[in-house]
Amino acid sequence: QNFPNPFNPSTNIKFSIPENGKMKPENSFVVLKVYNVLGREVATLVNEFLIPGTYAVTFDGAGLSSGLYYYKLTAGSFSETRKMVLMK
């Protein structure tokens, strides 16, 4: 989950890419996008191959309206969507 939540104007999103159990770590293609309540994409925070490990990305909502936003993290076959609230 992002922290802080609610946030103004920025928040940190932490996530981990686990190792797949093989001797040699494999990169995973990771996509982290933010959407508004209507489902429109407002930001792409990550769109690249990452090695296993823990990452933190900052989302700056300074140019956006107050309200509910969603971020979707996709890494390999894993996908998860979470809510966050921007309060100005």
PDB file of N, CA and C in Angstrom:
ATOM      1  N   GLN A   1       0.843  -1.188   0.000  1.00  0.00           N
ATOM      2  CA  GLN A   1       0.000   0.000   0.000  1.00  0.00           C
ATOM      3  C   GLN A   1       0.880   1.241   0.000  1.00  0.00           C
ATOM      4  N   ASN A   2       0.337   2.296  -0.576  1.00  0.00           N
ATOM      5  CA  ASN A   2       1.081   3.549  -0.606  1.00  0.00           C
ATOM      6  C   ASN A   2       1.069   4.213   0.766  1.00  0.00           C
ATOM      7  N   PHE A   3       2.048   5.078   1.011  1.00  0.00           N
ATOM      8  CA  PHE A   3       2.139   5.800   2.277  1.00  0.00           C
ATOM      9  C   PHE A   3       2.641   7.199   2.009  1.00  0.00           C
ATOM     10  N   PRO A   4       2.071   8.254   2.513  1.00  0.00           N
ATOM     11  CA  PRO A   4       0.821   8.244   3.296  1.00  0.00           C
ATOM     12  C   PRO A   4      -0.392   8.081   2.394  1.00  0.00           C
ATOM     13  N   ASN A   5      -1.493   7.709   3.009  1.00  0.00           N
ATOM     14  CA  ASN A   5      -2.759   7.577   2.299  1.00  0.00           C
ATOM     15  C   ASN A   5      -3.879   7.918   3.267  1.00  0.00           C
ATOM     16  N   PRO A   6      -4.570   9.017   3.102  1.00  0.00           N
ATOM     17  CA  PRO A   6      -4.576   9.998   2.030  1.00  0.00           C
ATOM     18  C   PRO A   6      -3.257  10.772   1.936  1.00  0.00           C
ATOM     19  N   PHE A   7      -3.026  11.369   0.763  1.00  0.00           N
ATOM     20  CA  PHE A   7      -1.777  12.087   0.538  1.00  0.00           C
ATOM     21  C   PHE A   7      -2.036  13.444  -0.101  1.00  0.00           C
ATOM     22  N   ASN A   8      -1.044  14.340   0.038  1.00  0.00           N
ATOM     23  CA  ASN A   8      -1.083  15.664  -0.577  1.00  0.00           C
ATOM     24  C   ASN A   8       0.317  16.236  -0.606  1.00  0.00           C
ATOM     25  N   PRO A   9       0.945  16.475  -1.694  1.00  0.00           N
ATOM     26  CA  PRO A   9       0.558  16.090  -3.045  1.00  0.00           C
ATOM     27  C   PRO A   9       1.244  14.818  -3.509  1.00  0.00           C
ATOM     28  N   SER A  10       2.156  14.237  -2.683  1.00  0.00           N
ATOM     29  CA  SER A  10       2.869  13.044  -3.158  1.00  0.00           C
ATOM     30  C   SER A  10       2.768  11.901  -2.162  1.00  0.00           C
ATOM     31  N   THR A  11       2.978  10.692  -2.681  1.00  0.00           N
ATOM     32  CA  THR A  11       2.927   9.481  -1.865  1.00  0.00           C
ATOM     33  C   THR A  11       3.958   8.495  -2.394  1.00  0.00           C
ATOM     34  N   ASN A  12       4.391   7.589  -1.548  1.00  0.00           N
ATOM     35  CA  ASN A  12       5.358   6.560  -1.937  1.00  0.00           C
ATOM     36  C   ASN A  12       4.648   5.221  -2.074  1.00  0.00           C
ATOM     37  N   ILE A  13       4.977   4.514  -3.144  1.00  0.00           N
ATOM     38  CA  ILE A  13       4.430   3.186  -3.384  1.00  0.00           C
ATOM     39  C   ILE A  13       5.601   2.205  -3.340  1.00  0.00           C
ATOM     40  N   LYS A  14       5.570   1.297  -2.357  1.00  0.00           N
ATOM     41  CA  LYS A  14       6.632   0.291  -2.222  1.00  0.00           C
ATOM     42  C   LYS A  14       6.121  -1.043  -2.741  1.00  0.00           C
ATOM     43  N   PHE A  15       7.007  -1.773  -3.416  1.00  0.00           N
ATOM     44  CA  PHE A  15       6.651  -3.100  -3.900  1.00  0.00           C
ATOM     45  C   PHE A  15       7.909  -3.946  -3.992  1.00  0.00           C
ATOM     46  N   SER A  16       7.708  -5.259  -3.996  1.00  0.00           N
ATOM     47  CA  SER A  16       8.820  -6.207  -4.082  1.00  0.00           C
ATOM     48  C   SER A  16       8.622  -7.136  -5.257  1.00  0.00           C
ATOM     49  N   ILE A  17       9.734  -7.464  -5.907  1.00  0.00           N
ATOM     50  CA  ILE A  17       9.756  -8.463  -6.964  1.00  0.00           C
ATOM     51  C   ILE A  17      10.475  -9.669  -6.369  1.00  0.00           C
ATOM     52  N   PRO A  18       9.753 -10.780  -6.119  1.00  0.00           N
ATOM     53  CA  PRO A  18      10.392 -11.944  -5.499  1.00  0.00           C
ATOM     54  C   PRO A  18      11.260 -12.711  -6.493  1.00  0.00           C
ATOM     55  N   GLU A  19      12.212 -13.465  -5.956  1.00  0.00           N
ATOM     56  CA  GLU A  19      13.006 -14.362  -6.791  1.00  0.00           C
ATOM     57  C   GLU A  19      12.133 -15.547  -7.165  1.00  0.00           C
ATOM     58  N   ASN A  20      12.423 -16.138  -8.300  1.00  0.00           N
ATOM     59  CA  ASN A  20      11.586 -17.224  -8.787  1.00  0.00           C
ATOM     60  C   ASN A  20      12.050 -18.601  -8.329  1.00  0.00           C
ATOM     61  N   GLY A  21      13.047 -18.681  -7.481  1.00  0.00           N
ATOM     62  CA  GLY A  21      13.513 -19.953  -6.959  1.00  0.00           C
ATOM     63  C   GLY A  21      14.602 -20.604  -7.782  1.00  0.00           C
ATOM     64  N   LYS A  22      14.945 -20.053  -8.926  1.00  0.00           N
ATOM     65  CA  LYS A  22      16.014 -20.608  -9.749  1.00  0.00           C
ATOM     66  C   LYS A  22      17.342 -20.053  -9.255  1.00  0.00           C
ATOM     67  N   MET A  23      18.422 -20.681  -9.667  1.00  0.00           N
ATOM     68  CA  MET A  23      19.751 -20.245  -9.243  1.00  0.00           C
ATOM     69  C   MET A  23      20.073 -18.842  -9.755  1.00  0.00           C
ATOM     70  N   LYS A  24      19.670 -18.550 -10.965  1.00  0.00           N
ATOM     71  CA  LYS A  24      19.960 -17.252 -11.563  1.00  0.00           C
ATOM     72  C   LYS A  24      18.699 -16.383 -11.508  1.00  0.00           C
ATOM     73  N   PRO A  25      18.759 -15.205 -10.870  1.00  0.00           N
ATOM     74  CA  PRO A  25      17.562 -14.361 -10.824  1.00  0.00           C
ATOM     75  C   PRO A  25      17.169 -13.894 -12.222  1.00  0.00           C
ATOM     76  N   GLU A  26      15.874 -13.902 -12.470  1.00  0.00           N
ATOM     77  CA  GLU A  26      15.369 -13.444 -13.753  1.00  0.00           C
ATOM     78  C   GLU A  26      14.698 -12.089 -13.593  1.00  0.00           C
ATOM     79  N   ASN A  27      14.864 -11.248 -14.595  1.00  0.00           N
ATOM     80  CA  ASN A  27      14.183  -9.966 -14.600  1.00  0.00           C
ATOM     81  C   ASN A  27      12.697 -10.185 -14.872  1.00  0.00           C
ATOM     82  N   SER A  28      11.878  -9.336 -14.268  1.00  0.00           N
ATOM     83  CA  SER A  28      10.446  -9.355 -14.526  1.00  0.00           C
ATOM     84  C   SER A  28      10.077  -8.033 -15.168  1.00  0.00           C
ATOM     85  N   PHE A  29       9.184  -8.091 -16.155  1.00  0.00           N
ATOM     86  CA  PHE A  29       8.705  -6.847 -16.741  1.00  0.00           C
ATOM     87  C   PHE A  29       7.629  -6.304 -15.817  1.00  0.00           C
ATOM     88  N   VAL A  30       7.855  -5.095 -15.303  1.00  0.00           N
ATOM     89  CA  VAL A  30       6.990  -4.496 -14.293  1.00  0.00           C
ATOM     90  C   VAL A  30       6.331  -3.247 -14.871  1.00  0.00           C
ATOM     91  N   VAL A  31       5.022  -3.145 -14.657  1.00  0.00           N
ATOM     92  CA  VAL A  31       4.266  -1.961 -15.060  1.00  0.00           C
ATOM     93  C   VAL A  31       3.504  -1.467 -13.832  1.00  0.00           C
ATOM     94  N   LEU A  32       3.658  -0.187 -13.524  1.00  0.00           N
ATOM     95  CA  LEU A  32       2.937   0.445 -12.421  1.00  0.00           C
ATOM     96  C   LEU A  32       2.283   1.700 -12.980  1.00  0.00           C
ATOM     97  N   LYS A  33       0.946   1.682 -13.042  1.00  0.00           N
ATOM     98  CA  LYS A  33       0.200   2.807 -13.604  1.00  0.00           C
ATOM     99  C   LYS A  33      -0.823   3.307 -12.605  1.00  0.00           C
ATOM    100  N   VAL A  34      -1.156   4.590 -12.724  1.00  0.00           N
ATOM    101  CA  VAL A  34      -2.158   5.228 -11.872  1.00  0.00           C
ATOM    102  C   VAL A  34      -3.344   5.616 -12.744  1.00  0.00           C
ATOM    103  N   TYR A  35      -4.551   5.350 -12.220  1.00  0.00           N
ATOM    104  CA  TYR A  35      -5.790   5.629 -12.943  1.00  0.00           C
ATOM    105  C   TYR A  35      -6.711   6.478 -12.079  1.00  0.00           C
ATOM    106  N   ASN A  36      -7.534   7.304 -12.736  1.00  0.00           N
ATOM    107  CA  ASN A  36      -8.535   8.050 -11.986  1.00  0.00           C
ATOM    108  C   ASN A  36      -9.767   7.165 -11.794  1.00  0.00           C
ATOM    109  N   VAL A  37     -10.768   7.706 -11.140  1.00  0.00           N
ATOM    110  CA  VAL A  37     -11.952   6.913 -10.801  1.00  0.00           C
ATOM    111  C   VAL A  37     -12.744   6.504 -12.043  1.00  0.00           C
ATOM    112  N   LEU A  38     -12.541   7.191 -13.161  1.00  0.00           N
ATOM    113  CA  LEU A  38     -13.206   6.836 -14.417  1.00  0.00           C
ATOM    114  C   LEU A  38     -12.445   5.779 -15.202  1.00  0.00           C
ATOM    115  N   GLY A  39     -11.273   5.376 -14.683  1.00  0.00           N
ATOM    116  CA  GLY A  39     -10.477   4.356 -15.347  1.00  0.00           C
ATOM    117  C   GLY A  39      -9.499   4.904 -16.363  1.00  0.00           C
ATOM    118  N   ARG A  40      -9.364   6.229 -16.420  1.00  0.00           N
ATOM    119  CA  ARG A  40      -8.402   6.836 -17.343  1.00  0.00           C
ATOM    120  C   ARG A  40      -7.017   6.850 -16.710  1.00  0.00           C
ATOM    121  N   GLU A  41      -6.029   6.475 -17.505  1.00  0.00           N
ATOM    122  CA  GLU A  41      -4.642   6.473 -17.021  1.00  0.00           C
ATOM    123  C   GLU A  41      -4.174   7.910 -16.822  1.00  0.00           C
ATOM    124  N   VAL A  42      -3.614   8.196 -15.632  1.00  0.00           N
ATOM    125  CA  VAL A  42      -3.102   9.540 -15.354  1.00  0.00           C
ATOM    126  C   VAL A  42      -1.588   9.559 -15.223  1.00  0.00           C
ATOM    127  N   ALA A  43      -0.964   8.393 -15.019  1.00  0.00           N
ATOM    128  CA  ALA A  43       0.500   8.345 -14.900  1.00  0.00           C
ATOM    129  C   ALA A  43       1.000   6.925 -15.088  1.00  0.00           C
ATOM    130  N   THR A  44       2.181   6.812 -15.693  1.00  0.00           N
ATOM    131  CA  THR A  44       2.923   5.549 -15.742  1.00  0.00           C
ATOM    132  C   THR A  44       4.180   5.753 -14.928  1.00  0.00           C
ATOM    133  N   LEU A  45       4.300   5.036 -13.820  1.00  0.00           N
ATOM    134  CA  LEU A  45       5.425   5.215 -12.907  1.00  0.00           C
ATOM    135  C   LEU A  45       6.567   4.252 -13.195  1.00  0.00           C
ATOM    136  N   VAL A  46       6.245   3.041 -13.629  1.00  0.00           N
ATOM    137  CA  VAL A  46       7.259   2.035 -13.963  1.00  0.00           C
ATOM    138  C   VAL A  46       6.791   1.318 -15.222  1.00  0.00           C
ATOM    139  N   ASN A  47       7.715   1.077 -16.146  1.00  0.00           N
ATOM    140  CA  ASN A  47       7.411   0.343 -17.373  1.00  0.00           C
ATOM    141  C   ASN A  47       8.722  -0.232 -17.898  1.00  0.00           C
ATOM    142  N   GLU A  48       9.279  -1.211 -17.151  1.00  0.00           N
ATOM    143  CA  GLU A  48      10.607  -1.727 -17.491  1.00  0.00           C
ATOM    144  C   GLU A  48      10.863  -3.074 -16.833  1.00  0.00           C
ATOM    145  N   PHE A  49      11.936  -3.723 -17.257  1.00  0.00           N
ATOM    146  CA  PHE A  49      12.385  -4.956 -16.614  1.00  0.00           C
ATOM    147  C   PHE A  49      13.113  -4.593 -15.324  1.00  0.00           C
ATOM    148  N   LEU A  50      12.777  -5.306 -14.229  1.00  0.00           N
ATOM    149  CA  LEU A  50      13.433  -5.104 -12.939  1.00  0.00           C
ATOM    150  C   LEU A  50      13.917  -6.439 -12.400  1.00  0.00           C
ATOM    151  N   ILE A  51      15.065  -6.413 -11.732  1.00  0.00           N
ATOM    152  CA  ILE A  51      15.574  -7.615 -11.082  1.00  0.00           C
ATOM    153  C   ILE A  51      14.842  -7.804  -9.751  1.00  0.00           C
ATOM    154  N   PRO A  52      14.840  -9.006  -9.191  1.00  0.00           N
ATOM    155  CA  PRO A  52      14.190  -9.215  -7.900  1.00  0.00           C
ATOM    156  C   PRO A  52      14.760  -8.273  -6.834  1.00  0.00           C
ATOM    157  N   GLY A  53      13.881  -7.751  -6.004  1.00  0.00           N
ATOM    158  CA  GLY A  53      14.276  -6.820  -4.949  1.00  0.00           C
ATOM    159  C   GLY A  53      13.092  -5.981  -4.517  1.00  0.00           C
ATOM    160  N   THR A  54      13.362  -5.009  -3.653  1.00  0.00           N
ATOM    161  CA  THR A  54      12.336  -4.109  -3.138  1.00  0.00           C
ATOM    162  C   THR A  54      12.543  -2.730  -3.742  1.00  0.00           C
ATOM    163  N   TYR A  55      11.444  -2.112  -4.140  1.00  0.00           N
ATOM    164  CA  TYR A  55      11.492  -0.822  -4.822  1.00  0.00           C
ATOM    165  C   TYR A  55      10.512   0.144  -4.178  1.00  0.00           C
ATOM    166  N   ALA A  56      10.789   1.438  -4.318  1.00  0.00           N
ATOM    167  CA  ALA A  56       9.885   2.495  -3.873  1.00  0.00           C
ATOM    168  C   ALA A  56       9.809   3.534  -4.978  1.00  0.00           C
ATOM    169  N   VAL A  57       8.591   3.925  -5.323  1.00  0.00           N
ATOM    170  CA  VAL A  57       8.348   4.902  -6.375  1.00  0.00           C
ATOM    171  C   VAL A  57       7.497   6.012  -5.787  1.00  0.00           C
ATOM    172  N   THR A  58       7.817   7.257  -6.122  1.00  0.00           N
ATOM    173  CA  THR A  58       7.041   8.395  -5.646  1.00  0.00           C
ATOM    174  C   THR A  58       6.061   8.831  -6.727  1.00  0.00           C
ATOM    175  N   PHE A  59       4.808   8.995  -6.325  1.00  0.00           N
ATOM    176  CA  PHE A  59       3.780   9.515  -7.220  1.00  0.00           C
ATOM    177  C   PHE A  59       3.434  10.925  -6.776  1.00  0.00           C
ATOM    178  N   ASP A  60       3.550  11.880  -7.698  1.00  0.00           N
ATOM    179  CA  ASP A  60       3.247  13.282  -7.411  1.00  0.00           C
ATOM    180  C   ASP A  60       1.915  13.638  -8.063  1.00  0.00           C
ATOM    181  N   GLY A  61       0.925  13.926  -7.243  1.00  0.00           N
ATOM    182  CA  GLY A  61      -0.399  14.264  -7.747  1.00  0.00           C
ATOM    183  C   GLY A  61      -0.677  15.749  -7.742  1.00  0.00           C
ATOM    184  N   ALA A  62       0.364  16.569  -7.787  1.00  0.00           N
ATOM    185  CA  ALA A  62       0.206  18.023  -7.695  1.00  0.00           C
ATOM    186  C   ALA A  62      -0.710  18.586  -8.778  1.00  0.00           C
ATOM    187  N   GLY A  63      -0.684  18.031  -9.975  1.00  0.00           N
ATOM    188  CA  GLY A  63      -1.497  18.563 -11.063  1.00  0.00           C
ATOM    189  C   GLY A  63      -2.867  17.924 -11.186  1.00  0.00           C
ATOM    190  N   LEU A  64      -3.244  17.113 -10.217  1.00  0.00           N
ATOM    191  CA  LEU A  64      -4.511  16.379 -10.279  1.00  0.00           C
ATOM    192  C   LEU A  64      -5.513  16.925  -9.276  1.00  0.00           C
ATOM    193  N   SER A  65      -6.778  16.618  -9.495  1.00  0.00           N
ATOM    194  CA  SER A  65      -7.843  17.013  -8.583  1.00  0.00           C
ATOM    195  C   SER A  65      -7.896  16.070  -7.387  1.00  0.00           C
ATOM    196  N   SER A  66      -8.436  16.563  -6.289  1.00  0.00           N
ATOM    197  CA  SER A  66      -8.668  15.713  -5.123  1.00  0.00           C
ATOM    198  C   SER A  66      -9.600  14.580  -5.510  1.00  0.00           C
ATOM    199  N   GLY A  67      -9.404  13.432  -4.890  1.00  0.00           N
ATOM    200  CA  GLY A  67     -10.309  12.324  -5.151  1.00  0.00           C
ATOM    201  C   GLY A  67      -9.643  10.976  -5.035  1.00  0.00           C
ATOM    202  N   LEU A  68     -10.366   9.963  -5.470  1.00  0.00           N
ATOM    203  CA  LEU A  68      -9.929   8.583  -5.391  1.00  0.00           C
ATOM    204  C   LEU A  68      -9.165   8.212  -6.659  1.00  0.00           C
ATOM    205  N   TYR A  69      -8.030   7.569  -6.482  1.00  0.00           N
ATOM    206  CA  TYR A  69      -7.215   7.080  -7.594  1.00  0.00           C
ATOM    207  C   TYR A  69      -6.866   5.627  -7.323  1.00  0.00           C
ATOM    208  N   TYR A  70      -6.537   4.917  -8.372  1.00  0.00           N
ATOM    209  CA  TYR A  70      -6.129   3.517  -8.270  1.00  0.00           C
ATOM    210  C   TYR A  70      -4.751   3.359  -8.883  1.00  0.00           C
ATOM    211  N   TYR A  71      -3.948   2.508  -8.291  1.00  0.00           N
ATOM    212  CA  TYR A  71      -2.709   2.134  -8.971  1.00  0.00           C
ATOM    213  C   TYR A  71      -2.718   0.636  -9.185  1.00  0.00           C
ATOM    214  N   LYS A  72      -2.211   0.242 -10.354  1.00  0.00           N
ATOM    215  CA  LYS A  72      -2.179  -1.168 -10.736  1.00  0.00           C
ATOM    216  C   LYS A  72      -0.736  -1.567 -10.979  1.00  0.00           C
ATOM    217  N   LEU A  73      -0.306  -2.588 -10.258  1.00  0.00           N
ATOM    218  CA  LEU A  73       1.036  -3.140 -10.394  1.00  0.00           C
ATOM    219  C   LEU A  73       0.928  -4.482 -11.102  1.00  0.00           C
ATOM    220  N   THR A  74       1.656  -4.631 -12.203  1.00  0.00           N
ATOM    221  CA  THR A  74       1.713  -5.892 -12.934  1.00  0.00           C
ATOM    222  C   THR A  74       3.172  -6.297 -13.056  1.00  0.00           C
ATOM    223  N   ALA A  75       3.472  -7.527 -12.645  1.00  0.00           N
ATOM    224  CA  ALA A  75       4.834  -8.065 -12.736  1.00  0.00           C
ATOM    225  C   ALA A  75       4.722  -9.527 -13.133  1.00  0.00           C
ATOM    226  N   GLY A  76       5.107  -9.826 -14.371  1.00  0.00           N
ATOM    227  CA  GLY A  76       4.944 -11.189 -14.857  1.00  0.00           C
ATOM    228  C   GLY A  76       3.472 -11.553 -14.880  1.00  0.00           C
ATOM    229  N   SER A  77       3.095 -12.647 -14.223  1.00  0.00           N
ATOM    230  CA  SER A  77       1.692 -13.067 -14.187  1.00  0.00           C
ATOM    231  C   SER A  77       0.945 -12.480 -12.984  1.00  0.00           C
ATOM    232  N   PHE A  78       1.651 -11.726 -12.128  1.00  0.00           N
ATOM    233  CA  PHE A  78       1.040 -11.110 -10.945  1.00  0.00           C
ATOM    234  C   PHE A  78       0.439  -9.759 -11.308  1.00  0.00           C
ATOM    235  N   SER A  79      -0.745  -9.478 -10.762  1.00  0.00           N
ATOM    236  CA  SER A  79      -1.375  -8.180 -10.970  1.00  0.00           C
ATOM    237  C   SER A  79      -2.186  -7.822  -9.732  1.00  0.00           C
ATOM    238  N   GLU A  80      -2.076  -6.560  -9.299  1.00  0.00           N
ATOM    239  CA  GLU A  80      -2.821  -6.118  -8.120  1.00  0.00           C
ATOM    240  C   GLU A  80      -3.180  -4.648  -8.288  1.00  0.00           C
ATOM    241  N   THR A  81      -4.387  -4.303  -7.850  1.00  0.00           N
ATOM    242  CA  THR A  81      -4.865  -2.928  -7.905  1.00  0.00           C
ATOM    243  C   THR A  81      -5.207  -2.473  -6.496  1.00  0.00           C
ATOM    244  N   ARG A  82      -4.778  -1.253  -6.150  1.00  0.00           N
ATOM    245  CA  ARG A  82      -5.050  -0.687  -4.828  1.00  0.00           C
ATOM    246  C   ARG A  82      -5.580   0.732  -4.958  1.00  0.00           C
ATOM    247  N   LYS A  83      -6.294   1.183  -3.923  1.00  0.00           N
ATOM    248  CA  LYS A  83      -6.863   2.529  -3.882  1.00  0.00           C
ATOM    249  C   LYS A  83      -5.937   3.484  -3.153  1.00  0.00           C
ATOM    250  N   MET A  84      -5.998   4.757  -3.560  1.00  0.00           N
ATOM    251  CA  MET A  84      -5.334   5.820  -2.805  1.00  0.00           C
ATOM    252  C   MET A  84      -6.148   7.089  -2.959  1.00  0.00           C
ATOM    253  N   VAL A  85      -6.049   7.965  -1.964  1.00  0.00           N
ATOM    254  CA  VAL A  85      -6.870   9.166  -1.930  1.00  0.00           C
ATOM    255  C   VAL A  85      -5.985  10.394  -1.914  1.00  0.00           C
ATOM    256  N   LEU A  86      -6.243  11.298  -2.858  1.00  0.00           N
ATOM    257  CA  LEU A  86      -5.552  12.584  -2.924  1.00  0.00           C
ATOM    258  C   LEU A  86      -6.466  13.626  -2.298  1.00  0.00           C
ATOM    259  N   MET A  87      -5.999  14.258  -1.215  1.00  0.00           N
ATOM    260  CA  MET A  87      -6.785  15.290  -0.524  1.00  0.00           C
ATOM    261  C   MET A  87      -6.008  16.597  -0.561  1.00  0.00           C
ATOM    262  N   LYS A  88      -6.595  17.597  -1.188  1.00  0.00           N
ATOM    263  CA  LYS A  88      -5.956  18.918  -1.259  1.00  0.00           C
ATOM    264  C   LYS A  88      -6.643  19.887  -0.342  1.00  0.00           C
TER     265      LYS A  88
END
